Amino acid sequence: MMCPPRPNGRNARAGGVLAAGDAEAGRIMLLTSAFVAFALMLVAVVASTTAVHLDRKALYDVADLAAADAASAMSPDAFYAGAGVPADGAPLTLSDADVRAAVEQYLAEHPPGIPVVVAEASSPDGRSARVALAGVSRPPLLRWFTDAFGGGVTVSASSTARAW
């Protein structure tokens, strides 16, 4: 004995009879849409996190270069005040004002990709220059979200370079 052919979903609905497998009809589209939305949000978060990390690395590079430039920022008056070349072990003096001026001049000549504030520019021992920079990274894909909660992600970097 042969079974009658099973009606397809269109004919079954039109006749008012539902086939056994049609109870799940349409839910796969909902699941697919939710998965695609979740995947796109995940891509946006990963891309924005990567952008913040790259801004932080760039800020570290700028802090390193500014500290290296500031380490050789001893004023000519202080350098030429002594008689000749300093003897071995003689301290060369860097002042906080010279370090800050050198850092600000370096940042003016080589502007970084994000707005930067000099948090610290000092010479703790007279021979080394310590530079701390702070900036705000604005992630490209989630800017609308970060602007709603403070305007970006604060990143900071510090570096120390020794003169001579």
C-alpha atoms as a PDB file:
ATOM      1  CA  MET A   1       0.000   0.000   0.000  1.00  0.00           C
ATOM      2  CA  MET A   2       1.382   3.424  -0.892  1.00  0.00           C
ATOM      3  CA  CYS A   3       1.159   6.458   1.323  1.00  0.00           C
ATOM      4  CA  PRO A   4      -0.309   9.580  -0.157  1.00  0.00           C
ATOM      5  CA  PRO A   5       2.269  12.246  -1.069  1.00  0.00           C
ATOM      6  CA  ARG A   6       2.961  14.774   1.639  1.00  0.00           C
ATOM      7  CA  PRO A   7       1.724  18.227   0.719  1.00  0.00           C
ATOM      8  CA  ASN A   8       4.283  21.044   0.570  1.00  0.00           C
ATOM      9  CA  GLY A   9       4.040  23.914   3.037  1.00  0.00           C
ATOM     10  CA  ARG A  10       2.299  26.286   0.654  1.00  0.00           C
ATOM     11  CA  ASN A  11      -0.502  23.947  -0.232  1.00  0.00           C
ATOM     12  CA  ALA A  12      -0.856  22.752   3.337  1.00  0.00           C
ATOM     13  CA  ARG A  13      -1.297  26.269   4.670  1.00  0.00           C
ATOM     14  CA  ALA A  14      -3.665  27.232   1.952  1.00  0.00           C
ATOM     15  CA  GLY A  15      -5.849  24.276   2.791  1.00  0.00           C
ATOM     16  CA  GLY A  16      -5.716  25.037   6.494  1.00  0.00           C
ATOM     17  CA  VAL A  17      -3.666  21.951   7.396  1.00  0.00           C
ATOM     18  CA  LEU A  18      -0.140  22.286   8.809  1.00  0.00           C
ATOM     19  CA  ALA A  19       2.469  19.691   8.058  1.00  0.00           C
ATOM     20  CA  ALA A  20       4.451  18.320  10.994  1.00  0.00           C
ATOM     21  CA  GLY A  21       7.755  20.089  10.088  1.00  0.00           C
ATOM     22  CA  ASP A  22       6.227  23.501   9.424  1.00  0.00           C
ATOM     23  CA  ALA A  23       6.029  24.547  13.087  1.00  0.00           C
ATOM     24  CA  GLU A  24       9.654  25.745  12.814  1.00  0.00           C
ATOM     25  CA  ALA A  25       9.160  27.636   9.556  1.00  0.00           C
ATOM     26  CA  GLY A  26      10.554  31.206   9.672  1.00  0.00           C
ATOM     27  CA  ARG A  27      12.627  30.757  12.815  1.00  0.00           C
ATOM     28  CA  ILE A  28      15.821  30.033  10.920  1.00  0.00           C
ATOM     29  CA  MET A  29      15.677  33.554   9.457  1.00  0.00           C
ATOM     30  CA  LEU A  30      15.395  35.009  12.972  1.00  0.00           C
ATOM     31  CA  LEU A  31      18.361  32.955  14.191  1.00  0.00           C
ATOM     32  CA  THR A  32      20.420  33.881  11.135  1.00  0.00           C
ATOM     33  CA  SER A  33      19.643  37.577  11.569  1.00  0.00           C
ATOM     34  CA  ALA A  34      20.591  37.462  15.245  1.00  0.00           C
ATOM     35  CA  PHE A  35      23.837  35.647  14.497  1.00  0.00           C
ATOM     36  CA  VAL A  36      24.786  38.122  11.756  1.00  0.00           C
ATOM     37  CA  ALA A  37      24.054  41.075  14.075  1.00  0.00           C
ATOM     38  CA  PHE A  38      26.141  39.492  16.836  1.00  0.00           C
ATOM     39  CA  ALA A  39      29.017  38.778  14.429  1.00  0.00           C
ATOM     40  CA  LEU A  40      28.984  42.369  13.128  1.00  0.00           C
ATOM     41  CA  MET A  41      29.026  43.749  16.675  1.00  0.00           C
ATOM     42  CA  LEU A  42      31.930  41.455  17.528  1.00  0.00           C
ATOM     43  CA  VAL A  43      33.865  42.656  14.473  1.00  0.00           C
ATOM     44  CA  ALA A  44      33.197  46.292  15.454  1.00  0.00           C
ATOM     45  CA  VAL A  45      34.423  45.720  19.022  1.00  0.00           C
ATOM     46  CA  VAL A  46      37.575  43.891  17.888  1.00  0.00           C
ATOM     47  CA  ALA A  47      38.375  46.538  15.258  1.00  0.00           C
ATOM     48  CA  SER A  48      37.846  49.369  17.748  1.00  0.00           C
ATOM     49  CA  THR A  49      39.953  47.643  20.406  1.00  0.00           C
ATOM     50  CA  THR A  50      42.712  47.225  17.854  1.00  0.00           C
ATOM     51  CA  ALA A  51      42.488  50.926  16.976  1.00  0.00           C
ATOM     52  CA  VAL A  52      42.844  51.901  20.656  1.00  0.00           C
ATOM     53  CA  HIS A  53      45.832  49.565  21.020  1.00  0.00           C
ATOM     54  CA  LEU A  54      47.510  51.076  17.940  1.00  0.00           C
ATOM     55  CA  ASP A  55      46.915  54.599  19.295  1.00  0.00           C
ATOM     56  CA  ARG A  56      48.525  53.536  22.591  1.00  0.00           C
ATOM     57  CA  LYS A  57      51.538  52.097  20.784  1.00  0.00           C
ATOM     58  CA  ALA A  58      51.886  55.261  18.709  1.00  0.00           C
ATOM     59  CA  LEU A  59      51.726  57.331  21.898  1.00  0.00           C
ATOM     60  CA  TYR A  60      54.518  55.191  23.398  1.00  0.00           C
ATOM     61  CA  ASP A  61      56.613  55.831  20.303  1.00  0.00           C
ATOM     62  CA  VAL A  62      56.048  59.577  20.568  1.00  0.00           C
ATOM     63  CA  ALA A  63      56.891  59.517  24.304  1.00  0.00           C
ATOM     64  CA  ASP A  64      60.126  57.598  23.590  1.00  0.00           C
ATOM     65  CA  LEU A  65      61.194  60.009  20.869  1.00  0.00           C
ATOM     66  CA  ALA A  66      60.253  63.075  22.922  1.00  0.00           C
ATOM     67  CA  ALA A  67      62.215  61.748  25.922  1.00  0.00           C
ATOM     68  CA  ALA A  68      65.249  61.016  23.737  1.00  0.00           C
ATOM     69  CA  ASP A  69      65.058  64.508  22.280  1.00  0.00           C
ATOM     70  CA  ALA A  70      64.601  66.064  25.722  1.00  0.00           C
ATOM     71  CA  ALA A  71      67.545  64.125  27.152  1.00  0.00           C
ATOM     72  CA  SER A  72      69.855  66.160  24.945  1.00  0.00           C
ATOM     73  CA  ALA A  73      68.069  69.427  25.717  1.00  0.00           C
ATOM     74  CA  MET A  74      70.594  70.889  28.097  1.00  0.00           C
ATOM     75  CA  SER A  75      70.752  74.625  27.610  1.00  0.00           C
ATOM     76  CA  PRO A  76      73.871  75.935  25.870  1.00  0.00           C
ATOM     77  CA  ASP A  77      74.561  78.240  28.821  1.00  0.00           C
ATOM     78  CA  ALA A  78      74.691  75.286  31.209  1.00  0.00           C
ATOM     79  CA  PHE A  79      76.823  73.275  28.801  1.00  0.00           C
ATOM     80  CA  TYR A  80      79.356  76.008  28.096  1.00  0.00           C
ATOM     81  CA  ALA A  81      79.500  77.305  31.662  1.00  0.00           C
ATOM     82  CA  GLY A  82      82.157  74.718  32.538  1.00  0.00           C
ATOM     83  CA  ALA A  83      85.718  74.756  31.286  1.00  0.00           C
ATOM     84  CA  GLY A  84      86.019  72.312  28.391  1.00  0.00           C
ATOM     85  CA  VAL A  85      84.604  68.819  28.273  1.00  0.00           C
ATOM     86  CA  PRO A  86      83.239  67.513  31.564  1.00  0.00           C
ATOM     87  CA  ALA A  87      85.388  64.922  33.271  1.00  0.00           C
ATOM     88  CA  ASP A  88      84.231  61.327  33.586  1.00  0.00           C
ATOM     89  CA  GLY A  89      81.509  61.048  36.202  1.00  0.00           C
ATOM     90  CA  ALA A  90      80.823  64.785  36.245  1.00  0.00           C
ATOM     91  CA  PRO A  91      77.072  65.365  36.259  1.00  0.00           C
ATOM     92  CA  LEU A  92      75.456  67.095  33.324  1.00  0.00           C
ATOM     93  CA  THR A  93      72.454  68.988  34.485  1.00  0.00           C
ATOM     94  CA  LEU A  94      69.093  68.919  32.822  1.00  0.00           C
ATOM     95  CA  SER A  95      66.447  71.178  34.268  1.00  0.00           C
ATOM     96  CA  ASP A  96      62.735  70.521  34.333  1.00  0.00           C
ATOM     97  CA  ALA A  97      62.114  73.674  32.307  1.00  0.00           C
ATOM     98  CA  ASP A  98      64.551  72.571  29.579  1.00  0.00           C
ATOM     99  CA  VAL A  99      62.943  69.134  29.385  1.00  0.00           C
ATOM    100  CA  ARG A 100      59.412  70.561  29.199  1.00  0.00           C
ATOM    101  CA  ALA A 101      60.403  73.082  26.537  1.00  0.00           C
ATOM    102  CA  ALA A 102      62.104  70.367  24.465  1.00  0.00           C
ATOM    103  CA  VAL A 103      59.068  68.065  24.713  1.00  0.00           C
ATOM    104  CA  GLU A 104      56.640  70.811  23.719  1.00  0.00           C
ATOM    105  CA  GLN A 105      58.886  71.821  20.822  1.00  0.00           C
ATOM    106  CA  TYR A 106      59.134  68.192  19.680  1.00  0.00           C
ATOM    107  CA  LEU A 107      55.353  67.771  19.811  1.00  0.00           C
ATOM    108  CA  ALA A 108      54.879  70.992  17.847  1.00  0.00           C
ATOM    109  CA  GLU A 109      57.309  69.814  15.141  1.00  0.00           C
ATOM    110  CA  HIS A 110      56.035  66.211  15.055  1.00  0.00           C
ATOM    111  CA  PRO A 111      52.323  66.185  15.934  1.00  0.00           C
ATOM    112  CA  PRO A 112      51.010  62.735  16.833  1.00  0.00           C
ATOM    113  CA  GLY A 113      47.839  61.242  15.356  1.00  0.00           C
ATOM    114  CA  ILE A 114      45.729  61.908  18.459  1.00  0.00           C
ATOM    115  CA  PRO A 115      45.443  65.030  20.650  1.00  0.00           C
ATOM    116  CA  VAL A 116      48.153  64.781  23.310  1.00  0.00           C
ATOM    117  CA  VAL A 117      48.672  66.468  26.662  1.00  0.00           C
ATOM    118  CA  VAL A 118      52.052  66.535  28.397  1.00  0.00           C
ATOM    119  CA  ALA A 119      51.289  65.032  31.807  1.00  0.00           C
ATOM    120  CA  GLU A 120      54.890  65.163  33.022  1.00  0.00           C
ATOM    121  CA  ALA A 121      58.153  66.447  31.627  1.00  0.00           C
ATOM    122  CA  SER A 122      60.881  66.495  34.233  1.00  0.00           C
ATOM    123  CA  SER A 123      64.413  65.517  35.047  1.00  0.00           C
ATOM    124  CA  PRO A 124      64.412  63.560  38.294  1.00  0.00           C
ATOM    125  CA  ASP A 125      68.193  63.315  38.627  1.00  0.00           C
ATOM    126  CA  GLY A 126      69.551  65.985  36.296  1.00  0.00           C
ATOM    127  CA  ARG A 127      70.812  63.409  33.778  1.00  0.00           C
ATOM    128  CA  SER A 128      67.623  61.748  32.556  1.00  0.00           C
ATOM    129  CA  ALA A 129      64.462  63.117  31.011  1.00  0.00           C
ATOM    130  CA  ARG A 130      61.137  61.628  32.071  1.00  0.00           C
ATOM    131  CA  VAL A 131      58.177  62.251  29.763  1.00  0.00           C
ATOM    132  CA  ALA A 132      54.576  61.193  30.365  1.00  0.00           C
ATOM    133  CA  LEU A 133      51.952  61.851  27.708  1.00  0.00           C
ATOM    134  CA  ALA A 134      48.199  61.350  27.797  1.00  0.00           C
ATOM    135  CA  GLY A 135      45.698  61.359  24.975  1.00  0.00           C
ATOM    136  CA  VAL A 136      42.190  60.318  24.069  1.00  0.00           C
ATOM    137  CA  SER A 137      41.673  57.582  21.507  1.00  0.00           C
ATOM    138  CA  ARG A 138      38.424  57.625  19.596  1.00  0.00           C
ATOM    139  CA  PRO A 139      37.621  54.156  18.226  1.00  0.00           C
ATOM    140  CA  PRO A 140      36.386  54.436  14.636  1.00  0.00           C
ATOM    141  CA  LEU A 141      33.451  52.011  14.668  1.00  0.00           C
ATOM    142  CA  LEU A 142      32.229  52.647  18.209  1.00  0.00           C
ATOM    143  CA  ARG A 143      32.643  56.425  18.374  1.00  0.00           C
ATOM    144  CA  TRP A 144      28.904  56.892  18.895  1.00  0.00           C
ATOM    145  CA  PHE A 145      29.133  54.644  21.956  1.00  0.00           C
ATOM    146  CA  THR A 146      32.270  56.186  23.490  1.00  0.00           C
ATOM    147  CA  ASP A 147      31.015  59.732  22.887  1.00  0.00           C
ATOM    148  CA  ALA A 148      27.939  58.913  24.954  1.00  0.00           C
ATOM    149  CA  PHE A 149      30.131  57.787  27.885  1.00  0.00           C
ATOM    150  CA  GLY A 150      32.861  60.407  28.114  1.00  0.00           C
ATOM    151  CA  GLY A 151      34.210  60.978  24.633  1.00  0.00           C
ATOM    152  CA  GLY A 152      36.773  58.243  24.097  1.00  0.00           C
ATOM    153  CA  VAL A 153      39.315  56.008  25.754  1.00  0.00           C
ATOM    154  CA  THR A 154      42.135  57.690  27.681  1.00  0.00           C
ATOM    155  CA  VAL A 155      45.553  56.280  26.848  1.00  0.00           C
ATOM    156  CA  SER A 156      48.832  57.244  28.485  1.00  0.00           C
ATOM    157  CA  ALA A 157      52.496  56.519  27.949  1.00  0.00           C
ATOM    158  CA  SER A 158      55.680  57.395  29.791  1.00  0.00           C
ATOM    159  CA  SER A 159      59.317  57.067  28.902  1.00  0.00           C
ATOM    160  CA  THR A 160      62.686  57.909  30.385  1.00  0.00           C
ATOM    161  CA  ALA A 161      65.834  58.660  28.429  1.00  0.00           C
ATOM    162  CA  ARG A 162      69.268  59.262  29.882  1.00  0.00           C
ATOM    163  CA  ALA A 163      71.587  61.996  28.695  1.00  0.00           C
ATOM    164  CA  TRP A 164      75.154  61.005  27.895  1.00  0.00           C
END
